[in-house]
C-alpha cells in the first residue's frame, strides 16, 4: 500500500466530508455505476481506490439521484462503513 499517499487521502476525506450539499451540482457528482474498482484487490486497497477515483467519496449519484453518506459517532470507522458499502455494491 505504499503507492497511496495516506495523508493526502485523509485531507481529501476531511475536505469532502464538510461539503455543503446545497453547493453540490448534480452534474458534478460521480455516478456510482461508472466508478470501477478492481474486485481482486484487498478490501483496504479497494477503499483507497474508491476515495482516489471519486470526486467526493461521501457524495455520489445512484441512478441519477444524489446520495450522501454520513457516519454515526460510533466505534466503527469510516473505513469499516465504506468497506461494507463496497462489499454490497461489488459482490
C-alpha atoms as a PDB file:
ATOM      1  CA  UNK A   1       0.000   0.000   0.000  1.00  0.00           C
ATOM      2  CA  UNK A   2       2.996   2.281  -0.324  1.00  0.00           C
ATOM      3  CA  UNK A   3       1.665   3.687  -3.605  1.00  0.00           C
ATOM      4  CA  UNK A   4      -1.041   5.602  -1.716  1.00  0.00           C
ATOM      5  CA  UNK A   5      -0.402   8.986  -0.148  1.00  0.00           C
ATOM      6  CA  UNK A   6      -2.407   8.376   3.020  1.00  0.00           C
ATOM      7  CA  UNK A   7      -2.031  11.915   4.341  1.00  0.00           C
ATOM      8  CA  UNK A   8      -3.326  13.346   1.059  1.00  0.00           C
ATOM      9  CA  UNK A   9      -6.289  10.954   1.185  1.00  0.00           C
ATOM     10  CA  UNK A  10      -7.060  11.973   4.777  1.00  0.00           C
ATOM     11  CA  UNK A  11      -7.061  15.617   3.722  1.00  0.00           C
ATOM     12  CA  UNK A  12      -9.397  14.827   0.826  1.00  0.00           C
ATOM     13  CA  UNK A  13     -11.776  12.980   3.153  1.00  0.00           C
ATOM     14  CA  UNK A  14     -11.807  15.881   5.596  1.00  0.00           C
ATOM     15  CA  UNK A  15     -12.418  18.402   2.806  1.00  0.00           C
ATOM     16  CA  UNK A  16     -15.156  16.275   1.216  1.00  0.00           C
ATOM     17  CA  UNK A  17     -16.899  15.474   4.497  1.00  0.00           C
ATOM     18  CA  UNK A  18     -17.584  19.155   5.106  1.00  0.00           C
ATOM     19  CA  UNK A  19     -19.067  19.981   1.683  1.00  0.00           C
ATOM     20  CA  UNK A  20     -22.442  21.687   1.932  1.00  0.00           C
ATOM     21  CA  UNK A  21     -24.972  19.658  -0.053  1.00  0.00           C
ATOM     22  CA  UNK A  22     -26.651  22.882  -1.232  1.00  0.00           C
ATOM     23  CA  UNK A  23     -23.410  23.778  -3.041  1.00  0.00           C
ATOM     24  CA  UNK A  24     -23.283  20.475  -4.966  1.00  0.00           C
ATOM     25  CA  UNK A  25     -24.354  20.408  -8.609  1.00  0.00           C
ATOM     26  CA  UNK A  26     -25.794  17.080  -9.734  1.00  0.00           C
ATOM     27  CA  UNK A  27     -23.782  17.154 -12.953  1.00  0.00           C
ATOM     28  CA  UNK A  28     -20.524  17.481 -10.959  1.00  0.00           C
ATOM     29  CA  UNK A  29     -21.106  14.295  -8.949  1.00  0.00           C
ATOM     30  CA  UNK A  30     -19.857  10.817  -9.889  1.00  0.00           C
ATOM     31  CA  UNK A  31     -22.404   8.176 -10.904  1.00  0.00           C
ATOM     32  CA  UNK A  32     -21.650   5.190  -8.662  1.00  0.00           C
ATOM     33  CA  UNK A  33     -22.037   2.706 -11.524  1.00  0.00           C
ATOM     34  CA  UNK A  34     -19.294   4.454 -13.518  1.00  0.00           C
ATOM     35  CA  UNK A  35     -16.726   4.025 -10.735  1.00  0.00           C
ATOM     36  CA  UNK A  36     -14.660   0.932 -11.495  1.00  0.00           C
ATOM     37  CA  UNK A  37     -12.888  -0.821  -8.630  1.00  0.00           C
ATOM     38  CA  UNK A  38     -10.765  -3.958  -9.060  1.00  0.00           C
ATOM     39  CA  UNK A  39     -12.531  -6.643  -7.027  1.00  0.00           C
ATOM     40  CA  UNK A  40      -9.386  -8.751  -6.889  1.00  0.00           C
ATOM     41  CA  UNK A  41      -7.626  -6.233  -4.654  1.00  0.00           C
ATOM     42  CA  UNK A  42      -7.789  -6.496  -0.864  1.00  0.00           C
ATOM     43  CA  UNK A  43     -10.639  -4.507   0.706  1.00  0.00           C
ATOM     44  CA  UNK A  44      -8.299  -1.834   2.078  1.00  0.00           C
ATOM     45  CA  UNK A  45      -6.958  -1.118  -1.399  1.00  0.00           C
ATOM     46  CA  UNK A  46     -10.456  -1.071  -2.904  1.00  0.00           C
ATOM     47  CA  UNK A  47     -11.467   1.569  -0.356  1.00  0.00           C
ATOM     48  CA  UNK A  48      -8.412   3.659  -1.125  1.00  0.00           C
ATOM     49  CA  UNK A  49      -9.077   3.325  -4.865  1.00  0.00           C
ATOM     50  CA  UNK A  50     -12.684   4.418  -4.303  1.00  0.00           C
ATOM     51  CA  UNK A  51     -11.512   7.509  -2.430  1.00  0.00           C
ATOM     52  CA  UNK A  52      -8.971   8.310  -5.140  1.00  0.00           C
ATOM     53  CA  UNK A  53     -11.316   7.678  -8.077  1.00  0.00           C
ATOM     54  CA  UNK A  54     -14.266   9.738  -6.849  1.00  0.00           C
ATOM     55  CA  UNK A  55     -14.592  13.486  -6.761  1.00  0.00           C
ATOM     56  CA  UNK A  56     -16.193  13.209  -3.332  1.00  0.00           C
ATOM     57  CA  UNK A  57     -16.409   9.763  -1.692  1.00  0.00           C
ATOM     58  CA  UNK A  58     -19.246  10.989   0.549  1.00  0.00           C
ATOM     59  CA  UNK A  59     -21.486  12.261  -2.259  1.00  0.00           C
ATOM     60  CA  UNK A  60     -22.367  10.412  -5.451  1.00  0.00           C
ATOM     61  CA  UNK A  61     -25.295   9.592  -7.723  1.00  0.00           C
ATOM     62  CA  UNK A  62     -27.232   6.352  -7.857  1.00  0.00           C
ATOM     63  CA  UNK A  63     -29.441   6.161 -10.957  1.00  0.00           C
ATOM     64  CA  UNK A  64     -29.242   9.948 -11.244  1.00  0.00           C
ATOM     65  CA  UNK A  65     -30.256  10.584  -7.612  1.00  0.00           C
ATOM     66  CA  UNK A  66     -27.930  12.407  -5.242  1.00  0.00           C
ATOM     67  CA  UNK A  67     -26.753  10.270  -2.317  1.00  0.00           C
ATOM     68  CA  UNK A  68     -24.756  11.427   0.677  1.00  0.00           C
ATOM     69  CA  UNK A  69     -23.016   9.085   3.103  1.00  0.00           C
ATOM     70  CA  UNK A  70     -22.689  10.117   6.716  1.00  0.00           C
ATOM     71  CA  UNK A  71     -21.408   8.114   9.628  1.00  0.00           C
ATOM     72  CA  UNK A  72     -22.642   7.988  13.195  1.00  0.00           C
ATOM     73  CA  UNK A  73     -20.367   8.701  16.105  1.00  0.00           C
ATOM     74  CA  UNK A  74     -19.660   5.062  16.957  1.00  0.00           C
ATOM     75  CA  UNK A  75     -16.694   2.766  17.295  1.00  0.00           C
ATOM     76  CA  UNK A  76     -16.992   1.890  13.603  1.00  0.00           C
ATOM     77  CA  UNK A  77     -14.506   3.691  11.425  1.00  0.00           C
ATOM     78  CA  UNK A  78     -15.290   5.298   8.101  1.00  0.00           C
ATOM     79  CA  UNK A  79     -13.186   2.564   6.557  1.00  0.00           C
ATOM     80  CA  UNK A  80     -15.443  -0.102   8.147  1.00  0.00           C
ATOM     81  CA  UNK A  81     -18.548   1.558   6.772  1.00  0.00           C
ATOM     82  CA  UNK A  82     -17.090   2.127   3.310  1.00  0.00           C
ATOM     83  CA  UNK A  83     -15.915  -1.492   3.259  1.00  0.00           C
ATOM     84  CA  UNK A  84     -19.476  -2.635   3.934  1.00  0.00           C
ATOM     85  CA  UNK A  85     -20.857  -0.361   1.222  1.00  0.00           C
ATOM     86  CA  UNK A  86     -18.301  -1.521  -1.324  1.00  0.00           C
ATOM     87  CA  UNK A  87     -18.775  -5.189  -0.447  1.00  0.00           C
ATOM     88  CA  UNK A  88     -22.522  -4.830  -1.000  1.00  0.00           C
ATOM     89  CA  UNK A  89     -22.101  -2.928  -4.274  1.00  0.00           C
ATOM     90  CA  UNK A  90     -19.449  -5.194  -5.761  1.00  0.00           C
ATOM     91  CA  UNK A  91     -20.473  -8.727  -4.725  1.00  0.00           C
END
